[in-house]
Amino acid sequence: MINKRITIMMLLLALAGCGGREGLERTETETTADGTSKADSVGEYKMALANRIVQVNSTKVYVGRPQALLRSVVVVKYVVDANGGLVRSEILRSNRDRTTETTALTSLRSTAPFPKPAASLLKHGRVELMETWLFNNDGRFQLRTIAEPQMNE
């Protein structure tokens, strides 16, 4: 009886997580014919990139609510040029877990090139962004921009 309840609860959590991401994934695909993002704010562009990172690295992504006490939180600052290329990335905050730092940077690099940012978002031909990788104990992550609340929130 308890196992059935746990299974049902896990299924409901998984379905809830899928539903929440479905609407966000549509944001990621909204580009013009030349690959320019239709996002008209840095926040919308950041959300589109977060969805793309999750899509490209789906095997490394945790679906559902992140655990209450995370293994690691890695904050990365990165710069995208006018063509969607990743110009630079650097870790701003971490608990010095080299494995999760490497996963965060690798997942970012493997996703590039990104959709081109709209000209209105560029400063000196680039857009600077920050993203936070939230790692569970198993090494899988979610991105704070599109993550569900942690289990204790």
C-alpha atoms as a PDB file:
ATOM      1  CA  MET A   1       0.000   0.000   0.000  1.00  0.00           C
ATOM      2  CA  ILE A   2       2.796   2.419   0.920  1.00  0.00           C
ATOM      3  CA  ASN A   3       4.726   1.556  -2.258  1.00  0.00           C
ATOM      4  CA  LYS A   4       1.618   2.341  -4.356  1.00  0.00           C
ATOM      5  CA  ARG A   5       1.280   5.724  -2.654  1.00  0.00           C
ATOM      6  CA  ILE A   6       4.946   6.513  -3.221  1.00  0.00           C
ATOM      7  CA  THR A   7       4.693   5.459  -6.869  1.00  0.00           C
ATOM      8  CA  ILE A   8       1.586   7.606  -7.390  1.00  0.00           C
ATOM      9  CA  MET A   9       3.222  10.594  -5.686  1.00  0.00           C
ATOM     10  CA  MET A  10       6.374  10.224  -7.808  1.00  0.00           C
ATOM     11  CA  LEU A  11       4.280   9.978 -10.972  1.00  0.00           C
ATOM     12  CA  LEU A  12       2.332  13.104 -10.035  1.00  0.00           C
ATOM     13  CA  LEU A  13       5.553  15.009  -9.316  1.00  0.00           C
ATOM     14  CA  ALA A  14       7.038  13.922 -12.620  1.00  0.00           C
ATOM     15  CA  LEU A  15       3.911  14.955 -14.504  1.00  0.00           C
ATOM     16  CA  ALA A  16       3.811  18.284 -12.705  1.00  0.00           C
ATOM     17  CA  GLY A  17       7.438  18.882 -13.660  1.00  0.00           C
ATOM     18  CA  CYS A  18       6.760  18.026 -17.290  1.00  0.00           C
ATOM     19  CA  GLY A  19       3.795  20.346 -17.505  1.00  0.00           C
ATOM     20  CA  GLY A  20       5.768  23.236 -16.118  1.00  0.00           C
ATOM     21  CA  ARG A  21       8.580  22.802 -18.597  1.00  0.00           C
ATOM     22  CA  GLU A  22       6.339  22.377 -21.625  1.00  0.00           C
ATOM     23  CA  GLY A  23       5.337  26.028 -21.672  1.00  0.00           C
ATOM     24  CA  LEU A  24       8.907  27.161 -21.115  1.00  0.00           C
ATOM     25  CA  GLU A  25      10.297  25.026 -23.925  1.00  0.00           C
ATOM     26  CA  ARG A  26       8.069  26.839 -26.395  1.00  0.00           C
ATOM     27  CA  THR A  27       9.870  30.072 -25.485  1.00  0.00           C
ATOM     28  CA  GLU A  28      13.199  28.506 -26.537  1.00  0.00           C
ATOM     29  CA  THR A  29      12.072  27.767 -30.091  1.00  0.00           C
ATOM     30  CA  GLU A  30      10.747  31.238 -30.874  1.00  0.00           C
ATOM     31  CA  THR A  31      13.239  32.599 -33.389  1.00  0.00           C
ATOM     32  CA  THR A  32      13.113  34.434 -36.662  1.00  0.00           C
ATOM     33  CA  ALA A  33      14.099  32.793 -39.958  1.00  0.00           C
ATOM     34  CA  ASP A  34      17.742  33.847 -39.468  1.00  0.00           C
ATOM     35  CA  GLY A  35      17.924  32.300 -35.959  1.00  0.00           C
ATOM     36  CA  THR A  36      17.450  35.517 -33.974  1.00  0.00           C
ATOM     37  CA  SER A  37      15.581  35.087 -30.698  1.00  0.00           C
ATOM     38  CA  LYS A  38      12.208  36.812 -30.465  1.00  0.00           C
ATOM     39  CA  ALA A  39      12.878  37.547 -26.769  1.00  0.00           C
ATOM     40  CA  ASP A  40      12.525  41.272 -26.218  1.00  0.00           C
ATOM     41  CA  SER A  41      14.120  41.415 -22.760  1.00  0.00           C
ATOM     42  CA  VAL A  42      17.252  39.971 -21.221  1.00  0.00           C
ATOM     43  CA  GLY A  43      15.055  37.981 -18.823  1.00  0.00           C
ATOM     44  CA  GLU A  44      13.136  36.343 -21.675  1.00  0.00           C
ATOM     45  CA  TYR A  45      16.368  35.629 -23.542  1.00  0.00           C
ATOM     46  CA  LYS A  46      17.887  34.093 -20.389  1.00  0.00           C
ATOM     47  CA  MET A  47      14.828  31.855 -20.011  1.00  0.00           C
ATOM     48  CA  ALA A  48      15.095  30.745 -23.645  1.00  0.00           C
ATOM     49  CA  LEU A  49      18.773  29.879 -23.168  1.00  0.00           C
ATOM     50  CA  ALA A  50      18.035  28.011 -19.936  1.00  0.00           C
ATOM     51  CA  ASN A  51      15.466  25.894 -21.764  1.00  0.00           C
ATOM     52  CA  ARG A  52      17.961  25.214 -24.539  1.00  0.00           C
ATOM     53  CA  ILE A  53      20.668  24.171 -22.046  1.00  0.00           C
ATOM     54  CA  VAL A  54      18.216  21.779 -20.377  1.00  0.00           C
ATOM     55  CA  GLN A  55      17.068  20.382 -23.721  1.00  0.00           C
ATOM     56  CA  VAL A  56      20.593  19.747 -25.023  1.00  0.00           C
ATOM     57  CA  ASN A  57      21.774  18.255 -21.704  1.00  0.00           C
ATOM     58  CA  SER A  58      18.586  16.387 -20.804  1.00  0.00           C
ATOM     59  CA  THR A  59      20.389  13.301 -19.465  1.00  0.00           C
ATOM     60  CA  LYS A  60      22.123  15.471 -16.846  1.00  0.00           C
ATOM     61  CA  VAL A  61      18.957  17.280 -15.754  1.00  0.00           C
ATOM     62  CA  TYR A  62      16.911  16.503 -12.658  1.00  0.00           C
ATOM     63  CA  VAL A  63      13.150  16.505 -13.318  1.00  0.00           C
ATOM     64  CA  GLY A  64      10.931  17.515 -10.413  1.00  0.00           C
ATOM     65  CA  ARG A  65      11.592  19.548  -7.316  1.00  0.00           C
ATOM     66  CA  PRO A  66      15.251  19.819  -6.243  1.00  0.00           C
ATOM     67  CA  GLN A  67      16.099  18.234  -2.906  1.00  0.00           C
ATOM     68  CA  ALA A  68      16.042  20.412   0.216  1.00  0.00           C
ATOM     69  CA  LEU A  69      19.812  20.356   0.804  1.00  0.00           C
ATOM     70  CA  LEU A  70      21.612  20.635  -2.500  1.00  0.00           C
ATOM     71  CA  ARG A  71      24.961  19.008  -3.203  1.00  0.00           C
ATOM     72  CA  SER A  72      26.207  22.128  -4.932  1.00  0.00           C
ATOM     73  CA  VAL A  73      25.151  25.527  -6.257  1.00  0.00           C
ATOM     74  CA  VAL A  74      27.271  26.873  -9.110  1.00  0.00           C
ATOM     75  CA  VAL A  75      26.763  30.416 -10.411  1.00  0.00           C
ATOM     76  CA  VAL A  76      28.189  31.071 -13.873  1.00  0.00           C
ATOM     77  CA  LYS A  77      28.532  34.395 -15.641  1.00  0.00           C
ATOM     78  CA  TYR A  78      28.666  34.072 -19.420  1.00  0.00           C
ATOM     79  CA  VAL A  79      28.736  36.297 -22.471  1.00  0.00           C
ATOM     80  CA  VAL A  80      26.959  35.661 -25.788  1.00  0.00           C
ATOM     81  CA  ASP A  81      27.927  37.579 -28.923  1.00  0.00           C
ATOM     82  CA  ALA A  82      25.608  38.957 -31.618  1.00  0.00           C
ATOM     83  CA  ASN A  83      25.778  35.654 -33.540  1.00  0.00           C
ATOM     84  CA  GLY A  84      24.839  33.515 -30.509  1.00  0.00           C
ATOM     85  CA  GLY A  85      28.389  32.371 -29.863  1.00  0.00           C
ATOM     86  CA  LEU A  86      29.641  31.775 -26.342  1.00  0.00           C
ATOM     87  CA  VAL A  87      32.412  34.334 -25.863  1.00  0.00           C
ATOM     88  CA  ARG A  88      33.355  33.711 -22.250  1.00  0.00           C
ATOM     89  CA  SER A  89      32.169  31.877 -19.152  1.00  0.00           C
ATOM     90  CA  GLU A  90      33.407  31.965 -15.585  1.00  0.00           C
ATOM     91  CA  ILE A  91      32.339  30.594 -12.238  1.00  0.00           C
ATOM     92  CA  LEU A  92      31.279  33.328  -9.838  1.00  0.00           C
ATOM     93  CA  ARG A  93      30.186  31.153  -6.923  1.00  0.00           C
ATOM     94  CA  SER A  94      30.671  27.531  -5.972  1.00  0.00           C
ATOM     95  CA  ASN A  95      31.336  25.234  -3.047  1.00  0.00           C
ATOM     96  CA  ARG A  96      34.488  24.097  -4.923  1.00  0.00           C
ATOM     97  CA  ASP A  97      32.969  20.797  -6.023  1.00  0.00           C
ATOM     98  CA  ARG A  98      35.078  20.373  -9.179  1.00  0.00           C
ATOM     99  CA  THR A  99      32.748  17.761 -10.651  1.00  0.00           C
ATOM    100  CA  THR A 100      29.687  20.030 -10.541  1.00  0.00           C
ATOM    101  CA  GLU A 101      31.697  23.047 -11.717  1.00  0.00           C
ATOM    102  CA  THR A 102      32.873  21.034 -14.718  1.00  0.00           C
ATOM    103  CA  THR A 103      29.332  19.830 -15.443  1.00  0.00           C
ATOM    104  CA  ALA A 104      27.981  23.391 -15.337  1.00  0.00           C
ATOM    105  CA  LEU A 105      30.640  24.776 -17.685  1.00  0.00           C
ATOM    106  CA  THR A 106      30.502  21.767 -20.014  1.00  0.00           C
ATOM    107  CA  SER A 107      26.705  21.897 -20.285  1.00  0.00           C
ATOM    108  CA  LEU A 108      26.919  25.584 -21.193  1.00  0.00           C
ATOM    109  CA  ARG A 109      29.648  25.067 -23.801  1.00  0.00           C
ATOM    110  CA  SER A 110      27.969  22.029 -25.364  1.00  0.00           C
ATOM    111  CA  THR A 111      24.793  24.044 -25.928  1.00  0.00           C
ATOM    112  CA  ALA A 112      26.433  26.872 -27.888  1.00  0.00           C
ATOM    113  CA  PRO A 113      25.814  28.370 -30.319  1.00  0.00           C
ATOM    114  CA  PHE A 114      22.660  29.892 -28.905  1.00  0.00           C
ATOM    115  CA  PRO A 115      19.896  31.739 -30.767  1.00  0.00           C
ATOM    116  CA  LYS A 116      21.159  35.167 -31.752  1.00  0.00           C
ATOM    117  CA  PRO A 117      20.104  37.820 -29.234  1.00  0.00           C
ATOM    118  CA  ALA A 118      17.899  40.614 -30.559  1.00  0.00           C
ATOM    119  CA  ALA A 119      19.883  43.752 -31.419  1.00  0.00           C
ATOM    120  CA  SER A 120      18.045  45.658 -28.663  1.00  0.00           C
ATOM    121  CA  LEU A 121      19.576  43.344 -26.024  1.00  0.00           C
ATOM    122  CA  LEU A 122      23.176  43.884 -27.106  1.00  0.00           C
ATOM    123  CA  LYS A 123      25.658  46.155 -25.366  1.00  0.00           C
ATOM    124  CA  HIS A 124      28.882  46.542 -27.325  1.00  0.00           C
ATOM    125  CA  GLY A 125      27.803  43.644 -29.535  1.00  0.00           C
ATOM    126  CA  ARG A 126      27.268  41.231 -26.631  1.00  0.00           C
ATOM    127  CA  VAL A 127      24.847  40.254 -23.891  1.00  0.00           C
ATOM    128  CA  GLU A 128      26.093  39.268 -20.432  1.00  0.00           C
ATOM    129  CA  LEU A 129      24.084  36.748 -18.419  1.00  0.00           C
ATOM    130  CA  MET A 130      24.272  34.810 -15.164  1.00  0.00           C
ATOM    131  CA  GLU A 131      22.765  31.410 -14.455  1.00  0.00           C
ATOM    132  CA  THR A 132      22.690  29.211 -11.373  1.00  0.00           C
ATOM    133  CA  TRP A 133      23.066  25.432 -11.605  1.00  0.00           C
ATOM    134  CA  LEU A 134      21.365  23.574  -8.718  1.00  0.00           C
ATOM    135  CA  PHE A 135      22.861  20.103  -8.200  1.00  0.00           C
ATOM    136  CA  ASN A 136      21.213  17.200  -6.396  1.00  0.00           C
ATOM    137  CA  ASN A 137      23.329  14.521  -4.693  1.00  0.00           C
ATOM    138  CA  ASP A 138      23.262  12.356  -7.832  1.00  0.00           C
ATOM    139  CA  GLY A 139      25.049  15.062  -9.861  1.00  0.00           C
ATOM    140  CA  ARG A 140      22.061  16.019 -12.012  1.00  0.00           C
ATOM    141  CA  PHE A 141      21.046  19.674 -12.158  1.00  0.00           C
ATOM    142  CA  GLN A 142      18.321  22.187 -12.749  1.00  0.00           C
ATOM    143  CA  LEU A 143      18.772  25.803 -13.722  1.00  0.00           C
ATOM    144  CA  ARG A 144      17.396  28.315 -11.244  1.00  0.00           C
ATOM    145  CA  THR A 145      15.758  30.352 -14.017  1.00  0.00           C
ATOM    146  CA  ILE A 146      13.328  27.521 -14.789  1.00  0.00           C
ATOM    147  CA  ALA A 147      13.606  25.269 -11.699  1.00  0.00           C
ATOM    148  CA  GLU A 148      10.730  24.299  -9.480  1.00  0.00           C
ATOM    149  CA  PRO A 149      10.969  25.363  -5.830  1.00  0.00           C
ATOM    150  CA  GLN A 150      13.167  23.200  -3.612  1.00  0.00           C
ATOM    151  CA  MET A 151      11.400  20.578  -1.511  1.00  0.00           C
ATOM    152  CA  ASN A 152      11.517  22.632   1.699  1.00  0.00           C
ATOM    153  CA  GLU A 153      10.225  25.872   0.120  1.00  0.00           C
END
